[in-house]
């Protein structure tokens, strides 16, 4: 792909992510996307053929970023489990690391709209997909894998429910900066305040998980 073509491709992809995240799939038109991208309908059709294909491309880019940002901890979880070394202490340490990675991923400015789009798909599916890509559920899967190692009595329903609550709480905090800033009385876009928020979210999630573990293991 030539440089000029790559630039147009990326601009359309970024514009689509922003509009799909804010307005939804049905509420976004191809004309709005090319206007936002300073491109043409012909270039959108050349690179993506259709709005549906463009939506697939945005979601694929987003899930690839999830793996890139979290690859080291996901690989460590898989390798530790494969070697039969996933005991309670190790599972908790990995869960702490996973949570820290997830918080960094969720608050990444570069992918703000893509992350918002994931939240929209999980809460209010666009129906573009007959079934959401399995990769979107991996964030729940890895929490579930680790939590199952930390409980004495298995209760799949409760464990899965906690996984859902923890991950969606993470999305809620990352996608409401204006509301969060108003409640906290500070500008959460400032680096020092954003770091404080990330520490709080990480600790809040781990505290909620620990509370449930203590309850299950009584």
C-alpha atoms as a PDB file:
ATOM      1  CA  UNK A   1       0.000   0.000   0.000  1.00  0.00           C
ATOM      2  CA  UNK A   2       1.452   3.363  -1.047  1.00  0.00           C
ATOM      3  CA  UNK A   3       1.923   6.081   1.564  1.00  0.00           C
ATOM      4  CA  UNK A   4      -0.919   8.275   0.268  1.00  0.00           C
ATOM      5  CA  UNK A   5      -3.285   5.283   0.159  1.00  0.00           C
ATOM      6  CA  UNK A   6      -2.251   4.198   3.657  1.00  0.00           C
ATOM      7  CA  UNK A   7      -2.911   7.699   4.976  1.00  0.00           C
ATOM      8  CA  UNK A   8      -6.410   7.740   3.493  1.00  0.00           C
ATOM      9  CA  UNK A   9      -7.072   4.222   4.762  1.00  0.00           C
ATOM     10  CA  UNK A  10      -6.057   5.136   8.316  1.00  0.00           C
ATOM     11  CA  UNK A  11      -7.996   8.410   8.268  1.00  0.00           C
ATOM     12  CA  UNK A  12     -11.170   6.632   7.206  1.00  0.00           C
ATOM     13  CA  UNK A  13     -10.626   3.940   9.838  1.00  0.00           C
ATOM     14  CA  UNK A  14     -10.095   6.512  12.603  1.00  0.00           C
ATOM     15  CA  UNK A  15     -13.083   8.605  11.516  1.00  0.00           C
ATOM     16  CA  UNK A  16     -15.297   5.517  11.397  1.00  0.00           C
ATOM     17  CA  UNK A  17     -14.207   4.442  14.886  1.00  0.00           C
ATOM     18  CA  UNK A  18     -15.079   7.882  16.269  1.00  0.00           C
ATOM     19  CA  UNK A  19     -18.495   8.106  14.610  1.00  0.00           C
ATOM     20  CA  UNK A  20     -19.500   4.485  15.201  1.00  0.00           C
ATOM     21  CA  UNK A  21     -18.565   4.859  18.872  1.00  0.00           C
ATOM     22  CA  UNK A  22     -20.479   8.106  19.338  1.00  0.00           C
ATOM     23  CA  UNK A  23     -23.484   7.589  17.046  1.00  0.00           C
ATOM     24  CA  UNK A  24     -23.691   3.814  16.657  1.00  0.00           C
ATOM     25  CA  UNK A  25     -23.598   1.784  13.466  1.00  0.00           C
ATOM     26  CA  UNK A  26     -27.147   2.642  12.373  1.00  0.00           C
ATOM     27  CA  UNK A  27     -26.704   6.328  13.233  1.00  0.00           C
ATOM     28  CA  UNK A  28     -23.586   6.771  11.106  1.00  0.00           C
ATOM     29  CA  UNK A  29     -23.543   7.227   7.348  1.00  0.00           C
ATOM     30  CA  UNK A  30     -20.692   6.746   4.908  1.00  0.00           C
ATOM     31  CA  UNK A  31     -20.999  10.408   3.932  1.00  0.00           C
ATOM     32  CA  UNK A  32     -20.429  11.443   7.544  1.00  0.00           C
ATOM     33  CA  UNK A  33     -17.391   9.167   7.746  1.00  0.00           C
ATOM     34  CA  UNK A  34     -15.686  10.508   4.623  1.00  0.00           C
ATOM     35  CA  UNK A  35     -16.451  14.080   5.665  1.00  0.00           C
ATOM     36  CA  UNK A  36     -14.828  13.431   9.065  1.00  0.00           C
ATOM     37  CA  UNK A  37     -11.865  11.759   7.341  1.00  0.00           C
ATOM     38  CA  UNK A  38     -11.500  14.448   4.661  1.00  0.00           C
ATOM     39  CA  UNK A  39     -11.773  11.687   2.078  1.00  0.00           C
ATOM     40  CA  UNK A  40     -14.168  10.667  -0.698  1.00  0.00           C
ATOM     41  CA  UNK A  41     -16.871   8.029  -1.008  1.00  0.00           C
ATOM     42  CA  UNK A  42     -14.823   6.512  -3.815  1.00  0.00           C
ATOM     43  CA  UNK A  43     -11.837   6.035  -1.486  1.00  0.00           C
ATOM     44  CA  UNK A  44     -14.041   4.413   1.157  1.00  0.00           C
ATOM     45  CA  UNK A  45     -15.431   2.016  -1.415  1.00  0.00           C
ATOM     46  CA  UNK A  46     -11.939   1.313  -2.756  1.00  0.00           C
ATOM     47  CA  UNK A  47     -10.533   0.358   0.633  1.00  0.00           C
ATOM     48  CA  UNK A  48     -13.566  -1.141   2.395  1.00  0.00           C
ATOM     49  CA  UNK A  49     -16.293  -1.766  -0.218  1.00  0.00           C
ATOM     50  CA  UNK A  50     -19.110  -1.013   2.236  1.00  0.00           C
ATOM     51  CA  UNK A  51     -19.999   0.465   5.621  1.00  0.00           C
ATOM     52  CA  UNK A  52     -20.414  -3.044   7.021  1.00  0.00           C
ATOM     53  CA  UNK A  53     -16.920  -4.080   5.946  1.00  0.00           C
ATOM     54  CA  UNK A  54     -15.555  -0.863   7.427  1.00  0.00           C
ATOM     55  CA  UNK A  55     -17.250  -1.668  10.727  1.00  0.00           C
ATOM     56  CA  UNK A  56     -15.650  -5.126  10.726  1.00  0.00           C
ATOM     57  CA  UNK A  57     -12.259  -3.491  10.090  1.00  0.00           C
ATOM     58  CA  UNK A  58     -12.675  -1.080  13.015  1.00  0.00           C
ATOM     59  CA  UNK A  59     -13.625  -3.893  15.402  1.00  0.00           C
ATOM     60  CA  UNK A  60     -10.741  -6.056  14.142  1.00  0.00           C
ATOM     61  CA  UNK A  61      -8.270  -3.213  14.709  1.00  0.00           C
ATOM     62  CA  UNK A  62      -9.645  -2.734  18.213  1.00  0.00           C
ATOM     63  CA  UNK A  63      -9.341  -6.393  19.185  1.00  0.00           C
ATOM     64  CA  UNK A  64      -5.813  -6.532  17.764  1.00  0.00           C
ATOM     65  CA  UNK A  65      -4.901  -3.605  19.987  1.00  0.00           C
ATOM     66  CA  UNK A  66      -6.340  -5.451  22.987  1.00  0.00           C
ATOM     67  CA  UNK A  67      -3.999  -8.375  22.289  1.00  0.00           C
ATOM     68  CA  UNK A  68      -0.996  -6.158  21.589  1.00  0.00           C
ATOM     69  CA  UNK A  69      -1.474  -4.183  24.804  1.00  0.00           C
ATOM     70  CA  UNK A  70      -2.067  -7.260  26.958  1.00  0.00           C
ATOM     71  CA  UNK A  71      -0.071  -9.945  25.117  1.00  0.00           C
ATOM     72  CA  UNK A  72       2.616 -10.352  27.782  1.00  0.00           C
ATOM     73  CA  UNK A  73       0.209 -11.056  30.656  1.00  0.00           C
ATOM     74  CA  UNK A  74      -2.151 -13.190  28.545  1.00  0.00           C
ATOM     75  CA  UNK A  75       0.784 -15.303  27.350  1.00  0.00           C
ATOM     76  CA  UNK A  76       2.026 -15.659  30.925  1.00  0.00           C
ATOM     77  CA  UNK A  77      -1.401 -16.828  32.113  1.00  0.00           C
ATOM     78  CA  UNK A  78      -1.627 -19.379  29.302  1.00  0.00           C
ATOM     79  CA  UNK A  79       1.932 -20.636  29.803  1.00  0.00           C
ATOM     80  CA  UNK A  80       1.575 -20.899  33.589  1.00  0.00           C
ATOM     81  CA  UNK A  81      -1.665 -22.851  33.189  1.00  0.00           C
ATOM     82  CA  UNK A  82      -0.133 -25.101  30.520  1.00  0.00           C
ATOM     83  CA  UNK A  83       2.764 -25.979  32.857  1.00  0.00           C
ATOM     84  CA  UNK A  84       0.369 -26.795  35.714  1.00  0.00           C
ATOM     85  CA  UNK A  85       1.701 -23.991  37.912  1.00  0.00           C
ATOM     86  CA  UNK A  86      -1.496 -21.987  38.296  1.00  0.00           C
ATOM     87  CA  UNK A  87      -2.011 -22.285  42.058  1.00  0.00           C
ATOM     88  CA  UNK A  88      -3.924 -19.776  44.202  1.00  0.00           C
ATOM     89  CA  UNK A  89      -1.009 -17.477  44.972  1.00  0.00           C
ATOM     90  CA  UNK A  90       0.131 -17.392  41.355  1.00  0.00           C
ATOM     91  CA  UNK A  91      -3.430 -16.890  40.111  1.00  0.00           C
ATOM     92  CA  UNK A  92      -3.922 -13.876  42.383  1.00  0.00           C
ATOM     93  CA  UNK A  93      -0.607 -12.310  41.358  1.00  0.00           C
ATOM     94  CA  UNK A  94      -1.508 -12.765  37.704  1.00  0.00           C
ATOM     95  CA  UNK A  95      -4.967 -11.338  38.319  1.00  0.00           C
ATOM     96  CA  UNK A  96      -3.413  -8.208  39.833  1.00  0.00           C
ATOM     97  CA  UNK A  97      -1.135  -7.856  36.803  1.00  0.00           C
ATOM     98  CA  UNK A  98      -4.012  -8.464  34.382  1.00  0.00           C
ATOM     99  CA  UNK A  99      -6.113  -5.810  36.097  1.00  0.00           C
ATOM    100  CA  UNK A 100      -3.289  -3.277  35.911  1.00  0.00           C
ATOM    101  CA  UNK A 101      -2.839  -4.018  32.197  1.00  0.00           C
ATOM    102  CA  UNK A 102      -6.564  -3.793  31.535  1.00  0.00           C
ATOM    103  CA  UNK A 103      -6.772  -0.412  33.255  1.00  0.00           C
ATOM    104  CA  UNK A 104      -3.882   0.945  31.161  1.00  0.00           C
ATOM    105  CA  UNK A 105      -5.567  -0.383  28.013  1.00  0.00           C
ATOM    106  CA  UNK A 106      -8.965   1.080  28.870  1.00  0.00           C
ATOM    107  CA  UNK A 107      -7.552   4.556  29.522  1.00  0.00           C
ATOM    108  CA  UNK A 108      -5.378   4.714  26.405  1.00  0.00           C
ATOM    109  CA  UNK A 109      -6.131   8.047  24.669  1.00  0.00           C
ATOM    110  CA  UNK A 110      -5.105   6.776  21.247  1.00  0.00           C
ATOM    111  CA  UNK A 111      -7.857   4.149  21.259  1.00  0.00           C
ATOM    112  CA  UNK A 112     -10.544   6.032  23.207  1.00  0.00           C
ATOM    113  CA  UNK A 113     -13.202   5.684  20.524  1.00  0.00           C
ATOM    114  CA  UNK A 114     -12.368   2.070  19.735  1.00  0.00           C
ATOM    115  CA  UNK A 115     -12.759   1.180  23.424  1.00  0.00           C
ATOM    116  CA  UNK A 116     -16.049   3.064  23.578  1.00  0.00           C
ATOM    117  CA  UNK A 117     -17.159   1.089  20.531  1.00  0.00           C
ATOM    118  CA  UNK A 118     -16.469  -2.201  22.321  1.00  0.00           C
ATOM    119  CA  UNK A 119     -18.598  -1.029  25.234  1.00  0.00           C
ATOM    120  CA  UNK A 120     -21.400  -0.086  22.858  1.00  0.00           C
ATOM    121  CA  UNK A 121     -21.253  -3.500  21.169  1.00  0.00           C
ATOM    122  CA  UNK A 122     -21.320  -5.339  24.481  1.00  0.00           C
ATOM    123  CA  UNK A 123     -24.204  -3.306  25.895  1.00  0.00           C
ATOM    124  CA  UNK A 124     -26.200  -2.524  22.763  1.00  0.00           C
ATOM    125  CA  UNK A 125     -25.168  -4.785  19.843  1.00  0.00           C
ATOM    126  CA  UNK A 126     -25.257  -3.221  16.385  1.00  0.00           C
ATOM    127  CA  UNK A 127     -26.538  -6.489  14.866  1.00  0.00           C
ATOM    128  CA  UNK A 128     -23.803  -6.257  12.249  1.00  0.00           C
ATOM    129  CA  UNK A 129     -22.486  -9.472  13.757  1.00  0.00           C
ATOM    130  CA  UNK A 130     -24.747 -12.499  14.107  1.00  0.00           C
ATOM    131  CA  UNK A 131     -22.541 -13.240  17.093  1.00  0.00           C
ATOM    132  CA  UNK A 132     -19.910 -10.930  18.530  1.00  0.00           C
ATOM    133  CA  UNK A 133     -16.312 -11.987  17.783  1.00  0.00           C
ATOM    134  CA  UNK A 134     -14.955 -14.408  20.365  1.00  0.00           C
ATOM    135  CA  UNK A 135     -11.987 -12.100  20.872  1.00  0.00           C
ATOM    136  CA  UNK A 136     -14.271  -9.503  22.479  1.00  0.00           C
ATOM    137  CA  UNK A 137     -15.090 -12.007  25.202  1.00  0.00           C
ATOM    138  CA  UNK A 138     -11.483 -12.894  25.998  1.00  0.00           C
ATOM    139  CA  UNK A 139     -11.237 -10.177  28.645  1.00  0.00           C
ATOM    140  CA  UNK A 140     -14.017 -11.991  30.526  1.00  0.00           C
ATOM    141  CA  UNK A 141     -12.466 -15.401  29.804  1.00  0.00           C
ATOM    142  CA  UNK A 142      -9.103 -14.617  31.422  1.00  0.00           C
ATOM    143  CA  UNK A 143     -10.694 -13.213  34.558  1.00  0.00           C
ATOM    144  CA  UNK A 144     -12.853 -16.312  34.787  1.00  0.00           C
ATOM    145  CA  UNK A 145      -9.842 -18.631  34.338  1.00  0.00           C
ATOM    146  CA  UNK A 146      -7.998 -16.964  37.214  1.00  0.00           C
ATOM    147  CA  UNK A 147     -11.005 -16.631  39.528  1.00  0.00           C
ATOM    148  CA  UNK A 148     -11.782 -20.332  39.198  1.00  0.00           C
ATOM    149  CA  UNK A 149      -8.339 -21.067  40.633  1.00  0.00           C
ATOM    150  CA  UNK A 150      -9.055 -18.859  43.647  1.00  0.00           C
ATOM    151  CA  UNK A 151     -12.305 -20.359  44.906  1.00  0.00           C
ATOM    152  CA  UNK A 152     -12.798 -23.551  46.850  1.00  0.00           C
ATOM    153  CA  UNK A 153     -16.388 -24.115  45.745  1.00  0.00           C
ATOM    154  CA  UNK A 154     -17.037 -23.605  42.043  1.00  0.00           C
ATOM    155  CA  UNK A 155     -20.067 -21.506  41.181  1.00  0.00           C
ATOM    156  CA  UNK A 156     -19.888 -20.699  37.479  1.00  0.00           C
ATOM    157  CA  UNK A 157     -22.843 -18.328  37.515  1.00  0.00           C
ATOM    158  CA  UNK A 158     -21.451 -16.124  40.281  1.00  0.00           C
ATOM    159  CA  UNK A 159     -17.920 -16.185  38.909  1.00  0.00           C
ATOM    160  CA  UNK A 160     -19.090 -15.213  35.427  1.00  0.00           C
ATOM    161  CA  UNK A 161     -21.293 -12.489  36.920  1.00  0.00           C
ATOM    162  CA  UNK A 162     -18.348 -10.980  38.799  1.00  0.00           C
ATOM    163  CA  UNK A 163     -16.212 -11.111  35.643  1.00  0.00           C
ATOM    164  CA  UNK A 164     -18.909  -9.210  33.774  1.00  0.00           C
ATOM    165  CA  UNK A 165     -19.324  -6.622  36.534  1.00  0.00           C
ATOM    166  CA  UNK A 166     -15.584  -6.002  36.857  1.00  0.00           C
ATOM    167  CA  UNK A 167     -14.940  -5.560  33.128  1.00  0.00           C
ATOM    168  CA  UNK A 168     -18.003  -3.394  32.515  1.00  0.00           C
ATOM    169  CA  UNK A 169     -17.112  -1.222  35.524  1.00  0.00           C
ATOM    170  CA  UNK A 170     -13.743  -0.667  33.881  1.00  0.00           C
ATOM    171  CA  UNK A 171     -15.439   0.470  30.666  1.00  0.00           C
ATOM    172  CA  UNK A 172     -17.829   2.717  32.578  1.00  0.00           C
ATOM    173  CA  UNK A 173     -14.999   4.582  34.295  1.00  0.00           C
ATOM    174  CA  UNK A 174     -12.952   4.989  31.118  1.00  0.00           C
ATOM    175  CA  UNK A 175     -15.850   6.212  28.997  1.00  0.00           C
ATOM    176  CA  UNK A 176     -17.350   8.872  31.266  1.00  0.00           C
ATOM    177  CA  UNK A 177     -14.458  11.350  31.676  1.00  0.00           C
ATOM    178  CA  UNK A 178     -16.710  14.415  31.874  1.00  0.00           C
ATOM    179  CA  UNK A 179     -19.017  12.911  34.469  1.00  0.00           C
ATOM    180  CA  UNK A 180     -16.098  11.439  36.394  1.00  0.00           C
ATOM    181  CA  UNK A 181     -14.267  14.769  36.381  1.00  0.00           C
ATOM    182  CA  UNK A 182     -17.354  16.625  37.600  1.00  0.00           C
ATOM    183  CA  UNK A 183     -17.908  14.166  40.444  1.00  0.00           C
ATOM    184  CA  UNK A 184     -14.240  14.173  41.455  1.00  0.00           C
ATOM    185  CA  UNK A 185     -13.971  17.935  41.079  1.00  0.00           C
ATOM    186  CA  UNK A 186     -10.927  17.790  38.825  1.00  0.00           C
ATOM    187  CA  UNK A 187      -9.894  17.622  35.183  1.00  0.00           C
ATOM    188  CA  UNK A 188      -9.348  13.913  34.608  1.00  0.00           C
ATOM    189  CA  UNK A 189      -7.632  14.651  31.299  1.00  0.00           C
ATOM    190  CA  UNK A 190      -4.629  16.064  33.169  1.00  0.00           C
ATOM    191  CA  UNK A 191      -1.939  13.341  33.383  1.00  0.00           C
ATOM    192  CA  UNK A 192      -1.594  13.492  37.178  1.00  0.00           C
ATOM    193  CA  UNK A 193      -5.355  13.181  37.695  1.00  0.00           C
ATOM    194  CA  UNK A 194      -5.698  10.413  35.128  1.00  0.00           C
ATOM    195  CA  UNK A 195      -2.999   8.436  36.935  1.00  0.00           C
ATOM    196  CA  UNK A 196      -4.900   8.846  40.218  1.00  0.00           C
ATOM    197  CA  UNK A 197      -8.085   7.644  38.545  1.00  0.00           C
ATOM    198  CA  UNK A 198      -6.318   4.603  37.100  1.00  0.00           C
ATOM    199  CA  UNK A 199      -4.916   3.672  40.513  1.00  0.00           C
ATOM    200  CA  UNK A 200      -8.376   4.057  42.038  1.00  0.00           C
ATOM    201  CA  UNK A 201     -10.074   1.937  39.349  1.00  0.00           C
ATOM    202  CA  UNK A 202      -7.467  -0.806  39.677  1.00  0.00           C
ATOM    203  CA  UNK A 203      -7.797  -0.898  43.476  1.00  0.00           C
ATOM    204  CA  UNK A 204     -11.584  -0.738  43.311  1.00  0.00           C
ATOM    205  CA  UNK A 205     -11.746  -3.700  40.933  1.00  0.00           C
ATOM    206  CA  UNK A 206      -9.309  -5.768  43.004  1.00  0.00           C
ATOM    207  CA  UNK A 207     -11.177  -4.911  46.214  1.00  0.00           C
ATOM    208  CA  UNK A 208     -14.475  -6.020  44.658  1.00  0.00           C
ATOM    209  CA  UNK A 209     -12.905  -9.279  43.510  1.00  0.00           C
ATOM    210  CA  UNK A 210     -11.342  -9.920  46.925  1.00  0.00           C
ATOM    211  CA  UNK A 211     -14.670  -9.278  48.682  1.00  0.00           C
ATOM    212  CA  UNK A 212     -16.360 -11.887  46.514  1.00  0.00           C
ATOM    213  CA  UNK A 213     -13.518 -14.377  46.987  1.00  0.00           C
ATOM    214  CA  UNK A 214     -13.774 -14.033  50.757  1.00  0.00           C
ATOM    215  CA  UNK A 215     -17.518 -14.579  50.564  1.00  0.00           C
ATOM    216  CA  UNK A 216     -17.201 -17.647  48.345  1.00  0.00           C
ATOM    217  CA  UNK A 217     -14.439 -19.219  50.435  1.00  0.00           C
ATOM    218  CA  UNK A 218     -16.149 -18.897  53.831  1.00  0.00           C
END
